[in-house]
Amino acid sequence: MPTPLLPTNNGIATLSHVSYEVSDIDRSLMFYAALGFFEVTRREEAGMGTKVFLGPPGADVFGAQFELLRPESGQLPELGAAHRHIALRSSDFDGTLARLIALGIVPISASTNVQSVGPRICMVEDPDGYGIELIEAER
């Protein structure tokens, strides 16, 4: 078994969600509903489009989720490039950012609140350029 690079208390508490861009929200929802996923929340975001979060079969609404995004522009990237990011909840948000910065990983967005209340969020990229959204687990 490989040795972890960071101690097990590295501040990452749980997987939050995986995000994909889709061409048709309703068609995608029917597909994922057939697999047992259920709609947790839906919202329109200016400049982004329609976001729908799905919960996996047998999970509660606070478990790992699947985000479907229908871009406002209606344009999708090439198949395979529609993966947007994975999101991780961090129980030690500031410590996690500090460890990434110490490794030379520079956040690509500032820590922000989703709304005037709620968790702080920061986007970073892994070494291959894949988006990782860090979400503060608690305040």
C-alpha atoms as a PDB file:
ATOM      1  CA  MET A   1       0.000   0.000   0.000  1.00  0.00           C
ATOM      2  CA  PRO A   2       1.478   3.410  -0.957  1.00  0.00           C
ATOM      3  CA  THR A   3       2.456   5.788   1.805  1.00  0.00           C
ATOM      4  CA  PRO A   4       0.315   8.960   1.828  1.00  0.00           C
ATOM      5  CA  LEU A   5       2.254  12.120   0.988  1.00  0.00           C
ATOM      6  CA  LEU A   6       0.387  14.143   3.608  1.00  0.00           C
ATOM      7  CA  PRO A   7      -0.762  13.131   7.071  1.00  0.00           C
ATOM      8  CA  THR A   8      -4.291  11.742   7.239  1.00  0.00           C
ATOM      9  CA  ASN A   9      -5.494  14.909   9.020  1.00  0.00           C
ATOM     10  CA  ASN A  10      -4.674  17.030   5.957  1.00  0.00           C
ATOM     11  CA  GLY A  11      -7.901  19.030   6.174  1.00  0.00           C
ATOM     12  CA  ILE A  12      -9.825  17.313   3.394  1.00  0.00           C
ATOM     13  CA  ALA A  13     -12.997  16.040   4.977  1.00  0.00           C
ATOM     14  CA  THR A  14     -15.123  14.746   2.107  1.00  0.00           C
ATOM     15  CA  LEU A  15     -15.662  14.772  -1.612  1.00  0.00           C
ATOM     16  CA  SER A  16     -18.227  17.489  -2.300  1.00  0.00           C
ATOM     17  CA  HIS A  17     -19.098  17.069  -5.987  1.00  0.00           C
ATOM     18  CA  VAL A  18     -17.969  16.346  -9.525  1.00  0.00           C
ATOM     19  CA  SER A  19     -19.085  18.770 -12.256  1.00  0.00           C
ATOM     20  CA  TYR A  20     -19.940  18.137 -15.926  1.00  0.00           C
ATOM     21  CA  GLU A  21     -21.305  20.382 -18.649  1.00  0.00           C
ATOM     22  CA  VAL A  22     -24.333  18.895 -20.392  1.00  0.00           C
ATOM     23  CA  SER A  23     -26.238  19.799 -23.553  1.00  0.00           C
ATOM     24  CA  ASP A  24     -29.748  19.192 -22.190  1.00  0.00           C
ATOM     25  CA  ILE A  25     -30.521  19.329 -18.459  1.00  0.00           C
ATOM     26  CA  ASP A  26     -33.858  17.497 -18.703  1.00  0.00           C
ATOM     27  CA  ARG A  27     -32.455  14.684 -20.832  1.00  0.00           C
ATOM     28  CA  SER A  28     -29.505  14.324 -18.461  1.00  0.00           C
ATOM     29  CA  LEU A  29     -31.807  14.322 -15.420  1.00  0.00           C
ATOM     30  CA  MET A  30     -33.881  11.492 -16.902  1.00  0.00           C
ATOM     31  CA  PHE A  31     -30.711   9.488 -17.494  1.00  0.00           C
ATOM     32  CA  TYR A  32     -29.322   9.986 -13.977  1.00  0.00           C
ATOM     33  CA  ALA A  33     -32.773   9.433 -12.395  1.00  0.00           C
ATOM     34  CA  ALA A  34     -32.831   6.030 -14.107  1.00  0.00           C
ATOM     35  CA  LEU A  35     -29.571   5.300 -12.264  1.00  0.00           C
ATOM     36  CA  GLY A  36     -31.193   6.311  -8.958  1.00  0.00           C
ATOM     37  CA  PHE A  37     -29.830   9.852  -8.592  1.00  0.00           C
ATOM     38  CA  PHE A  38     -32.198  12.512  -7.266  1.00  0.00           C
ATOM     39  CA  GLU A  39     -32.276  16.292  -7.728  1.00  0.00           C
ATOM     40  CA  VAL A  40     -30.998  18.047  -4.603  1.00  0.00           C
ATOM     41  CA  THR A  41     -31.038  21.648  -5.813  1.00  0.00           C
ATOM     42  CA  ARG A  42     -31.261  23.725  -8.982  1.00  0.00           C
ATOM     43  CA  ARG A  43     -30.247  27.305  -9.648  1.00  0.00           C
ATOM     44  CA  GLU A  44     -29.587  29.749 -12.443  1.00  0.00           C
ATOM     45  CA  GLU A  45     -26.276  31.591 -12.249  1.00  0.00           C
ATOM     46  CA  ALA A  46     -25.695  34.698 -14.345  1.00  0.00           C
ATOM     47  CA  GLY A  47     -22.851  34.144 -16.766  1.00  0.00           C
ATOM     48  CA  MET A  48     -22.766  30.408 -16.020  1.00  0.00           C
ATOM     49  CA  GLY A  49     -26.128  28.849 -16.843  1.00  0.00           C
ATOM     50  CA  THR A  50     -28.306  26.276 -15.110  1.00  0.00           C
ATOM     51  CA  LYS A  51     -26.757  24.190 -12.339  1.00  0.00           C
ATOM     52  CA  VAL A  52     -28.449  21.076 -10.984  1.00  0.00           C
ATOM     53  CA  PHE A  53     -26.950  19.093  -8.123  1.00  0.00           C
ATOM     54  CA  LEU A  54     -27.831  15.401  -7.901  1.00  0.00           C
ATOM     55  CA  GLY A  55     -27.527  13.099  -4.911  1.00  0.00           C
ATOM     56  CA  PRO A  56     -26.416   9.489  -5.335  1.00  0.00           C
ATOM     57  CA  PRO A  57     -28.731   6.573  -4.593  1.00  0.00           C
ATOM     58  CA  GLY A  58     -29.273   6.038  -0.864  1.00  0.00           C
ATOM     59  CA  ALA A  59     -27.405   9.191   0.199  1.00  0.00           C
ATOM     60  CA  ASP A  60     -28.618  12.168   2.167  1.00  0.00           C
ATOM     61  CA  VAL A  61     -28.541  15.669   0.693  1.00  0.00           C
ATOM     62  CA  PHE A  62     -25.254  16.470   2.455  1.00  0.00           C
ATOM     63  CA  GLY A  63     -23.289  13.626   0.858  1.00  0.00           C
ATOM     64  CA  ALA A  64     -21.129  13.744  -2.244  1.00  0.00           C
ATOM     65  CA  GLN A  65     -23.031  15.129  -5.199  1.00  0.00           C
ATOM     66  CA  PHE A  66     -22.902  15.328  -8.965  1.00  0.00           C
ATOM     67  CA  GLU A  67     -23.235  18.780 -10.583  1.00  0.00           C
ATOM     68  CA  LEU A  68     -24.701  19.142 -14.068  1.00  0.00           C
ATOM     69  CA  LEU A  69     -24.136  22.504 -15.732  1.00  0.00           C
ATOM     70  CA  ARG A  70     -25.991  23.640 -18.835  1.00  0.00           C
ATOM     71  CA  PRO A  71     -23.839  26.566 -20.031  1.00  0.00           C
ATOM     72  CA  GLU A  72     -25.651  29.844 -20.623  1.00  0.00           C
ATOM     73  CA  SER A  73     -24.027  30.092 -24.051  1.00  0.00           C
ATOM     74  CA  GLY A  74     -25.361  26.691 -25.051  1.00  0.00           C
ATOM     75  CA  GLN A  75     -21.903  25.823 -26.367  1.00  0.00           C
ATOM     76  CA  LEU A  76     -20.232  22.685 -25.065  1.00  0.00           C
ATOM     77  CA  PRO A  77     -16.538  21.877 -25.320  1.00  0.00           C
ATOM     78  CA  GLU A  78     -15.381  18.729 -27.114  1.00  0.00           C
ATOM     79  CA  LEU A  79     -16.448  15.442 -25.543  1.00  0.00           C
ATOM     80  CA  GLY A  80     -14.089  14.730 -22.676  1.00  0.00           C
ATOM     81  CA  ALA A  81     -13.373  18.423 -22.145  1.00  0.00           C
ATOM     82  CA  ALA A  82     -16.819  18.958 -20.576  1.00  0.00           C
ATOM     83  CA  HIS A  83     -15.433  17.786 -17.225  1.00  0.00           C
ATOM     84  CA  ARG A  84     -15.292  20.997 -15.217  1.00  0.00           C
ATOM     85  CA  HIS A  85     -13.829  20.125 -11.831  1.00  0.00           C
ATOM     86  CA  ILE A  86     -14.013  18.026  -8.703  1.00  0.00           C
ATOM     87  CA  ALA A  87     -14.810  19.751  -5.435  1.00  0.00           C
ATOM     88  CA  LEU A  88     -13.416  18.869  -2.022  1.00  0.00           C
ATOM     89  CA  ARG A  89     -14.645  20.070   1.354  1.00  0.00           C
ATOM     90  CA  SER A  90     -11.802  21.060   3.650  1.00  0.00           C
ATOM     91  CA  SER A  91     -12.129  21.018   7.423  1.00  0.00           C
ATOM     92  CA  ASP A  92      -8.940  23.144   7.544  1.00  0.00           C
ATOM     93  CA  PHE A  93      -9.467  25.534   4.621  1.00  0.00           C
ATOM     94  CA  ASP A  94      -6.670  27.984   5.492  1.00  0.00           C
ATOM     95  CA  GLY A  95      -4.220  25.199   6.329  1.00  0.00           C
ATOM     96  CA  THR A  96      -5.000  23.358   3.097  1.00  0.00           C
ATOM     97  CA  LEU A  97      -4.412  26.518   1.042  1.00  0.00           C
ATOM     98  CA  ALA A  98      -1.163  27.183   2.911  1.00  0.00           C
ATOM     99  CA  ARG A  99       0.107  23.643   2.164  1.00  0.00           C
ATOM    100  CA  LEU A 100      -0.768  24.012  -1.535  1.00  0.00           C
ATOM    101  CA  ILE A 101       0.905  27.418  -1.746  1.00  0.00           C
ATOM    102  CA  ALA A 102       4.015  25.939  -0.066  1.00  0.00           C
ATOM    103  CA  LEU A 103       4.086  23.372  -2.914  1.00  0.00           C
ATOM    104  CA  GLY A 104       3.987  26.201  -5.469  1.00  0.00           C
ATOM    105  CA  ILE A 105       0.275  25.782  -6.296  1.00  0.00           C
ATOM    106  CA  VAL A 106      -1.136  29.277  -6.779  1.00  0.00           C
ATOM    107  CA  PRO A 107      -4.916  29.667  -6.373  1.00  0.00           C
ATOM    108  CA  ILE A 108      -6.571  30.724  -9.639  1.00  0.00           C
ATOM    109  CA  SER A 109      -9.376  32.468  -7.805  1.00  0.00           C
ATOM    110  CA  ALA A 110      -9.496  34.267  -4.494  1.00  0.00           C
ATOM    111  CA  SER A 111     -11.291  32.743  -1.541  1.00  0.00           C
ATOM    112  CA  THR A 112     -14.860  33.916  -1.880  1.00  0.00           C
ATOM    113  CA  ASN A 113     -18.254  33.271  -0.400  1.00  0.00           C
ATOM    114  CA  VAL A 114     -20.853  31.707  -2.654  1.00  0.00           C
ATOM    115  CA  GLN A 115     -23.355  34.196  -1.243  1.00  0.00           C
ATOM    116  CA  SER A 116     -23.080  36.766   1.515  1.00  0.00           C
ATOM    117  CA  VAL A 117     -23.151  33.821   3.907  1.00  0.00           C
ATOM    118  CA  GLY A 118     -21.806  30.343   3.465  1.00  0.00           C
ATOM    119  CA  PRO A 119     -18.484  28.657   2.917  1.00  0.00           C
ATOM    120  CA  ARG A 120     -15.408  30.179   1.340  1.00  0.00           C
ATOM    121  CA  ILE A 121     -14.433  28.679  -2.011  1.00  0.00           C
ATOM    122  CA  CYS A 122     -11.133  28.703  -3.865  1.00  0.00           C
ATOM    123  CA  MET A 123     -10.216  27.209  -7.244  1.00  0.00           C
ATOM    124  CA  VAL A 124      -6.800  25.662  -7.807  1.00  0.00           C
ATOM    125  CA  GLU A 125      -5.384  23.459 -10.543  1.00  0.00           C
ATOM    126  CA  ASP A 126      -3.708  20.122 -10.059  1.00  0.00           C
ATOM    127  CA  PRO A 127      -0.300  19.557 -11.733  1.00  0.00           C
ATOM    128  CA  ASP A 128      -2.015  18.573 -15.003  1.00  0.00           C
ATOM    129  CA  GLY A 129      -4.306  21.622 -15.035  1.00  0.00           C
ATOM    130  CA  TYR A 130      -7.510  19.931 -13.821  1.00  0.00           C
ATOM    131  CA  GLY A 131      -9.719  22.200 -11.745  1.00  0.00           C
ATOM    132  CA  ILE A 132     -10.077  21.502  -8.039  1.00  0.00           C
ATOM    133  CA  GLU A 133     -12.633  23.536  -6.087  1.00  0.00           C
ATOM    134  CA  LEU A 134     -11.842  23.758  -2.392  1.00  0.00           C
ATOM    135  CA  ILE A 135     -14.869  24.438  -0.202  1.00  0.00           C
ATOM    136  CA  GLU A 136     -14.643  25.394   3.449  1.00  0.00           C
ATOM    137  CA  ALA A 137     -16.400  22.624   5.400  1.00  0.00           C
ATOM    138  CA  GLU A 138     -17.482  24.769   8.347  1.00  0.00           C
ATOM    139  CA  ARG A 139     -17.217  28.293   9.649  1.00  0.00           C
END
